[in-house]
Protein backbone atom coordinates (compact mmCIF):
# COMPACT_ATOMS: atom_id res chain seq x y z
CA MET A 1 -110.32 131.17 142.32
CA GLU A 2 -108.29 128.07 141.06
CA LEU A 3 -105.37 125.67 143.05
CA ARG A 4 -102.42 127.90 142.07
CA HIS A 5 -104.41 130.95 143.99
CA LEU A 6 -104.14 128.47 146.87
CA ARG A 7 -100.54 127.46 146.40
CA TYR A 8 -99.35 131.20 145.92
CA PHE A 9 -100.71 132.54 149.14
CA VAL A 10 -99.48 129.75 151.05
CA ALA A 11 -96.24 130.55 149.90
CA VAL A 12 -96.13 133.74 150.44
CA ALA A 13 -97.88 133.12 153.85
CA GLU A 14 -95.18 130.38 155.28
CA VAL A 15 -92.54 133.33 154.00
CA GLU A 16 -94.14 136.21 154.74
CA ASN A 17 -92.00 137.76 151.77
CA ILE A 18 -93.33 137.83 148.01
CA SER A 19 -89.48 138.00 146.76
CA ARG A 20 -88.64 134.69 148.72
CA ALA A 21 -92.27 132.78 147.76
CA SER A 22 -91.06 133.69 144.25
CA LEU A 23 -87.95 132.26 143.91
CA ARG A 24 -89.49 129.11 145.73
CA LEU A 25 -92.31 129.37 143.48
CA ARG A 26 -90.29 130.14 140.33
CA VAL A 27 -92.73 132.95 139.50
CA ALA A 28 -92.07 136.17 138.53
CA GLN A 29 -92.93 138.71 141.85
CA PRO A 30 -95.24 141.09 139.68
CA ALA A 31 -97.10 138.35 138.60
CA LEU A 32 -97.24 136.51 142.21
CA SER A 33 -98.45 139.85 143.68
CA ARG A 34 -101.22 140.23 141.14
CA GLN A 35 -102.22 136.57 141.61
CA ILE A 36 -102.58 137.06 145.71
CA ARG A 37 -104.79 140.55 144.89
CA ASP A 38 -106.93 138.43 142.31
CA LEU A 39 -107.66 135.75 145.43
CA GLU A 40 -108.28 138.65 147.78
CA ASP A 41 -110.72 140.71 144.95
CA GLU A 42 -112.32 137.18 144.68
CA LEU A 43 -112.61 136.72 148.52
CA GLY A 44 -113.84 140.01 149.05
CA PHE A 45 -111.56 140.84 152.34
CA PRO A 46 -107.67 141.01 152.56
CA LEU A 47 -105.50 138.19 153.48
CA LEU A 48 -102.36 140.53 153.87
CA ILE A 49 -101.19 143.15 155.72
CA ARG A 50 -98.00 144.90 153.43
CA SER A 51 -95.66 146.87 155.02
CA ALA A 52 -92.18 147.94 152.88
CA ARG A 53 -90.10 145.38 155.16
CA SER A 54 -92.91 142.57 155.93
CA ILE A 55 -96.02 140.85 154.96
CA GLN A 56 -98.47 139.68 157.88
CA LEU A 57 -101.31 137.93 157.95
CA THR A 58 -104.91 139.66 158.90
CA PRO A 59 -107.31 137.63 161.12
CA ALA A 60 -108.81 136.29 158.23
CA GLY A 61 -106.30 135.17 156.39
CA ARG A 62 -104.56 133.13 159.27
CA VAL A 63 -108.34 131.29 159.10
CA PHE A 64 -107.72 131.11 155.57
CA LEU A 65 -104.43 129.67 155.54
CA GLU A 66 -105.13 126.68 157.24
CA GLU A 67 -107.91 126.11 155.10
CA ALA A 68 -106.36 126.33 152.34
CA ARG A 69 -103.50 124.02 153.44
CA GLY A 70 -106.18 121.32 154.23
CA VAL A 71 -107.49 121.73 150.59
CA LEU A 72 -104.28 121.34 148.78
CA LEU A 73 -103.01 118.23 151.23
CA LYS A 74 -106.60 116.57 150.28
CA THR A 75 -106.19 117.44 146.58
CA ASP A 76 -102.64 115.94 146.52
CA ASP A 77 -103.58 112.74 148.21
CA ALA A 78 -106.57 112.70 145.63
CA ILE A 79 -104.03 112.87 143.07
CA ALA A 80 -101.66 110.41 144.09
CA LYS A 81 -104.26 107.97 144.84
CA ALA A 82 -105.56 108.38 141.42
CA ARG A 83 -102.08 108.14 139.79
CA ALA A 84 -101.25 104.89 141.99
CA VAL A 85 -104.42 103.17 140.98
CA ALA A 86 -103.90 104.05 137.32
CA LEU A 87 -100.36 102.54 137.14
CA GLY A 88 -101.21 99.75 139.31
CA THR A 89 -98.90 100.78 142.39
CA GLY A 90 -101.48 101.76 145.03
CA GLY A 91 -104.95 102.54 146.19
CA GLU A 92 -107.28 100.25 148.13
CA LEU A 93 -109.93 97.29 147.26
CA ARG A 94 -112.72 97.38 149.98
CA ILE A 95 -114.34 94.17 149.93
CA GLY A 96 -117.69 93.06 151.69
CA TYR A 97 -118.10 89.33 152.33
CA ALA A 98 -120.22 86.83 154.04
CA PRO A 99 -117.43 84.51 155.78
CA SER A 100 -119.61 81.17 155.48
CA LEU A 101 -119.40 81.86 151.54
CA ALA A 102 -116.09 83.29 150.87
CA ALA A 103 -114.33 80.91 152.91
CA GLY A 104 -111.64 79.18 150.75
CA ILE A 105 -111.96 81.49 148.14
CA LEU A 106 -111.53 85.49 149.39
CA SER A 107 -108.34 84.36 151.40
CA THR A 108 -106.61 82.69 148.31
CA ALA A 109 -107.33 85.49 146.12
CA VAL A 110 -106.00 88.17 148.26
CA ALA A 111 -103.03 86.40 148.62
CA SER A 112 -102.20 86.22 144.72
CA PHE A 113 -103.52 89.55 144.08
CA THR A 114 -100.98 91.57 146.64
CA GLN A 115 -98.18 89.78 144.79
CA ILE A 116 -99.23 91.05 141.81
CA HIS A 117 -100.39 94.53 142.95
CA PRO A 118 -98.23 94.63 146.79
CA GLY A 119 -99.01 98.62 146.55
CA ILE A 120 -102.90 97.94 146.52
CA ARG A 121 -104.38 97.69 150.06
CA VAL A 122 -107.16 95.11 150.32
CA GLU A 123 -109.53 95.79 153.48
CA LEU A 124 -111.83 93.57 154.23
CA PHE A 125 -115.33 93.52 156.00
CA ASP A 126 -117.71 90.76 157.17
CA LEU A 127 -121.17 92.28 156.75
CA SER A 128 -124.57 91.45 156.01
CA THR A 129 -126.72 91.11 152.76
CA SER A 130 -127.92 94.79 153.40
CA GLU A 131 -124.82 96.02 154.54
CA MET A 132 -123.23 94.91 151.63
CA LEU A 133 -125.46 96.03 149.18
CA ALA A 134 -125.58 99.66 151.00
CA GLY A 135 -121.93 99.34 150.38
CA LEU A 136 -122.20 99.01 147.32
CA ALA A 137 -125.07 101.54 146.79
CA ASP A 138 -123.12 104.43 148.61
CA ALA A 139 -119.55 103.23 146.75
CA SER A 140 -117.66 102.59 150.46
CA LEU A 141 -117.44 99.18 149.21
CA ASP A 142 -115.67 98.40 145.70
CA LEU A 143 -116.39 94.53 145.51
CA VAL A 144 -118.68 92.15 147.61
CA VAL A 145 -118.47 88.41 147.52
CA SER A 146 -122.45 87.11 148.26
CA VAL A 147 -125.12 85.47 147.09
CA PRO A 148 -126.66 87.50 143.67
CA HIS A 149 -129.33 89.84 144.91
CA LYS A 150 -132.13 90.60 142.50
CA PRO A 151 -132.41 94.61 142.02
CA GLY A 152 -135.12 95.94 143.96
CA VAL A 153 -135.77 98.57 146.55
CA ARG A 154 -132.91 97.03 149.31
CA GLY A 155 -130.12 97.81 147.09
CA PRO A 156 -128.29 99.33 143.86
CA ARG A 157 -129.97 97.96 140.65
CA LYS A 158 -127.00 98.30 138.79
CA ILE A 159 -124.85 95.70 140.09
CA ARG A 160 -123.29 93.27 137.86
CA TRP A 161 -122.69 89.73 139.60
CA ILE A 162 -119.98 87.14 138.25
CA PRO A 163 -121.00 83.25 139.70
CA LEU A 164 -117.55 82.02 141.43
CA VAL A 165 -118.83 78.52 142.68
CA ARG A 166 -122.32 76.57 143.93
CA ALA A 167 -122.00 75.31 147.35
CA PRO A 168 -124.63 72.72 149.01
CA TRP A 169 -126.49 73.42 151.84
CA ARG A 170 -125.57 71.40 155.47
CA LEU A 171 -127.46 71.14 158.35
CA ALA A 172 -124.94 72.08 161.23
CA VAL A 173 -125.69 70.21 164.51
CA ARG A 174 -124.13 69.83 167.98
CA ALA A 175 -121.78 66.81 167.98
CA THR A 176 -124.11 65.35 171.25
CA HIS A 177 -127.18 66.15 169.13
CA PRO A 178 -129.71 63.22 168.34
CA LEU A 179 -129.05 63.96 164.41
CA ALA A 180 -125.71 64.02 165.10
CA SER A 181 -125.24 59.89 164.54
CA LYS A 182 -127.57 60.22 161.43
CA THR A 183 -126.04 59.48 157.78
CA ARG A 184 -128.75 61.73 156.74
CA VAL A 185 -131.27 64.07 157.97
CA THR A 186 -134.72 65.10 156.32
CA PRO A 187 -136.27 68.47 156.57
CA ALA A 188 -138.63 67.27 158.96
CA ASP A 189 -136.04 66.45 161.40
CA ALA A 190 -134.16 69.29 160.68
CA VAL A 191 -137.44 71.72 161.37
CA ALA A 192 -137.31 69.84 164.62
CA GLY A 193 -134.41 70.97 165.91
CA PRO A 194 -135.22 73.64 166.66
CA LEU A 195 -134.15 75.55 163.74
CA LEU A 196 -132.15 78.61 164.18
CA ILE A 197 -131.72 81.03 161.18
CA PHE A 198 -129.99 84.47 160.21
CA CYS A 199 -131.78 87.85 160.68
CA ARG A 200 -134.80 87.65 157.88
CA ARG A 201 -134.02 91.52 157.54
CA ASP A 202 -130.47 91.78 157.09
CA TYR A 203 -130.27 88.09 154.94
CA PRO A 204 -133.48 88.18 152.73
CA GLU A 205 -132.06 85.56 150.06
CA TYR A 206 -131.68 83.22 153.13
CA SER A 207 -135.13 83.49 153.86
CA ALA A 208 -136.41 83.42 150.53
CA MET A 209 -134.69 80.50 150.10
CA LEU A 210 -135.44 78.37 153.42
CA GLU A 211 -139.53 79.50 152.94
CA GLY A 212 -139.51 78.32 149.65
CA TRP A 213 -137.95 75.00 150.39
CA LEU A 214 -139.79 74.09 153.46
CA GLY A 215 -143.11 75.38 151.60
CA LYS A 216 -142.53 72.36 149.20
CA GLN A 217 -142.13 70.02 151.97
CA HIS A 218 -145.07 71.47 153.53
CA LEU A 219 -143.60 71.90 156.77
CA ASN A 220 -144.26 74.72 159.23
CA PRO A 221 -140.45 75.34 161.42
CA ARG A 222 -140.14 76.19 164.77
CA LEU A 223 -137.61 79.46 164.32
CA THR A 224 -136.90 80.22 167.53
CA ARG A 225 -134.11 82.85 167.14
CA GLU A 226 -132.68 84.97 164.31
CA TYR A 227 -128.74 85.77 164.67
CA ASP A 228 -126.53 88.52 162.37
CA GLY A 229 -123.88 86.57 161.61
CA VAL A 230 -122.66 83.13 160.59
CA ASN A 231 -120.05 83.05 163.99
CA SER A 232 -123.22 83.93 166.14
CA LEU A 233 -125.31 80.89 164.37
CA LEU A 234 -122.61 78.58 165.12
CA ALA A 235 -121.91 79.58 168.70
CA ALA A 236 -125.88 78.95 168.86
CA VAL A 237 -125.80 75.69 167.24
CA GLU A 238 -122.67 74.72 169.39
CA SER A 239 -123.92 75.95 172.78
CA GLY A 240 -127.20 72.93 171.78
CA GLN A 241 -129.72 76.01 171.25
CA GLY A 242 -130.99 74.27 168.09
CA VAL A 243 -129.82 73.71 164.71
CA ALA A 244 -129.19 75.72 161.78
CA LEU A 245 -129.03 74.87 157.62
CA ILE A 246 -125.88 76.52 156.24
CA ALA A 247 -124.11 76.75 152.68
CA TYR A 248 -120.79 75.68 153.65
CA ARG A 249 -117.57 75.69 151.77
CA GLN A 250 -114.46 73.86 153.08
CA GLY A 251 -111.86 76.20 153.83
CA ARG A 252 -113.91 77.65 156.44
CA PRO A 253 -112.81 76.03 160.20
CA VAL A 254 -115.64 74.23 161.96
CA ALA A 255 -115.77 74.41 165.83
CA GLU A 256 -114.94 70.71 167.28
CA LEU A 257 -118.24 70.11 168.36
CA ILE A 258 -120.54 71.09 165.71
CA ARG A 259 -120.89 68.31 162.95
CA LEU A 260 -122.47 69.11 159.28
CA LYS A 261 -125.26 66.69 158.27
CA THR A 262 -126.73 66.36 154.39
CA VAL A 263 -130.06 66.58 154.52
CA SER A 264 -132.18 64.59 151.71
CA PRO A 265 -133.89 66.48 149.87
CA ALA A 266 -131.83 69.51 150.21
CA PRO A 267 -132.03 72.71 148.55
CA LYS A 268 -130.60 73.61 145.82
CA PRO A 269 -126.90 74.67 145.81
CA VAL A 270 -126.38 78.31 147.06
CA CYS A 271 -124.34 80.43 143.95
CA ILE A 272 -121.66 82.09 145.63
CA ALA A 273 -120.73 85.40 143.22
CA ALA A 274 -118.80 88.67 143.44
CA GLY A 275 -120.69 91.33 142.47
CA HIS A 276 -119.61 95.46 141.78
CA ARG A 277 -121.19 98.00 140.26
CA VAL A 278 -122.10 98.21 136.40
CA ASP A 279 -119.99 101.81 136.50
CA ARG A 280 -116.67 99.70 137.53
CA GLY A 281 -116.85 97.82 134.76
CA GLN A 282 -113.30 99.12 133.19
CA ASP A 283 -111.48 99.09 136.62
CA LYS A 284 -108.28 97.58 135.58
CA VAL A 285 -107.22 96.70 139.15
CA LEU A 286 -110.84 95.24 139.89
CA ALA A 287 -110.76 92.91 137.05
CA VAL A 288 -107.22 91.39 138.36
CA PHE A 289 -108.91 90.51 141.80
CA LEU A 290 -111.85 89.35 139.93
CA ALA A 291 -109.49 87.13 137.63
CA GLU A 292 -107.93 85.77 141.47
CA LEU A 293 -111.32 85.38 142.82
CA ARG A 294 -112.30 82.90 139.57
CA ARG A 295 -109.05 81.18 139.69
CA ALA A 296 -109.32 80.50 143.48
CA ALA A 297 -113.04 79.48 143.01
CA GLY A 298 -111.85 76.95 140.49
CA ARG A 299 -109.52 75.65 142.72
CA SER A 300 -111.69 75.55 145.71
CA VAL A 301 -113.86 72.36 146.72
CA THR A 302 -116.95 72.08 148.46
CA VAL A 303 -117.54 69.96 151.42
CA PRO A 304 -118.04 65.95 150.64
CA GLU A 305 -120.88 64.52 150.60
C-alpha cells in the first residue's frame, strides 16, 4: 500500500464516481479503477459497492475513509513543516530554560532570531534540570539553556554544550533580614539563614555545588525546605522564611523586598550554557539561534559586586 492508493481512494469516495475522480486526479479511468482494486486486494475486503450508475462505500469503506483522510492530512502537514524548516521559512523551536540563568540572554536571542526567521515559532518552557534533560532525551525539546550536565543515567549521554557566560553566586535575603545591611556575608552567615535550596532531585548540579562549597568551609547547613523553581524559592525568601544562594544575572527583576548579597568566599561562578543533542549538530535553524544566543550573552552584564 502506498500513499497514492489512499489519495485515489479518498477522491473516489468523496465524489462517488470513478469518472469524476479520474478528472480530478488527472489519472486515466482504467488505471484509477485498477489502483482501487489493488487497494482492496491488499486489505482483503471491499471498500466500495459498485453499480452501473454509482459507487457507494461499504461500512468498512466509511471507516477506512476517515482514517485515510487523517493519514493524508498528517503526511501533508509533515511535508509542509519539513519543507518550511529546510527553507528557513517555518517550523518551531522548543526551548527549555532555567529563568534565573537565562534572564537577559534568552529573551534578547529570541527577539533577534524572530527577525531573521519570522515564520519559525519559538516556544519557551520553564523547566527543572531533570525535565530539560528528559526533554532532550525524548526530543520534545530542541535546545536547553542551563548548567552543563555531565553524562550519566539521568539524561541523554550525547549532548553538546556551548558555554555562553558565567554568572556569580549571590545570597538572596529579605530587605529586613539582618544580613541585608552587611556589605559582604560569610558562608557561616548563609547557613544560619536558615538556607533554602532548590529541590535536590530536580537540580542535581545545584546540590552538588552547594555540598562541595559548604564542605570546604566545614559547615553543616540548616536546610529547611526545597523548592521546585526560582520563583517559589525567591517568594519564600521574600516572605522571610530564610535565605537562598542563587546564580543571578542582570535582566531578571528582583522583588523590592529582596536584596542580593556578595558571599566571601563564594562558590565558583556558574557556567550558563546551551545544550542540544549531538544528532542536531547540522540543523541550520538551530545554528542560527545558537549564534543569536552567543551574541546576546556577549552583550549581557553580570550583577555588579
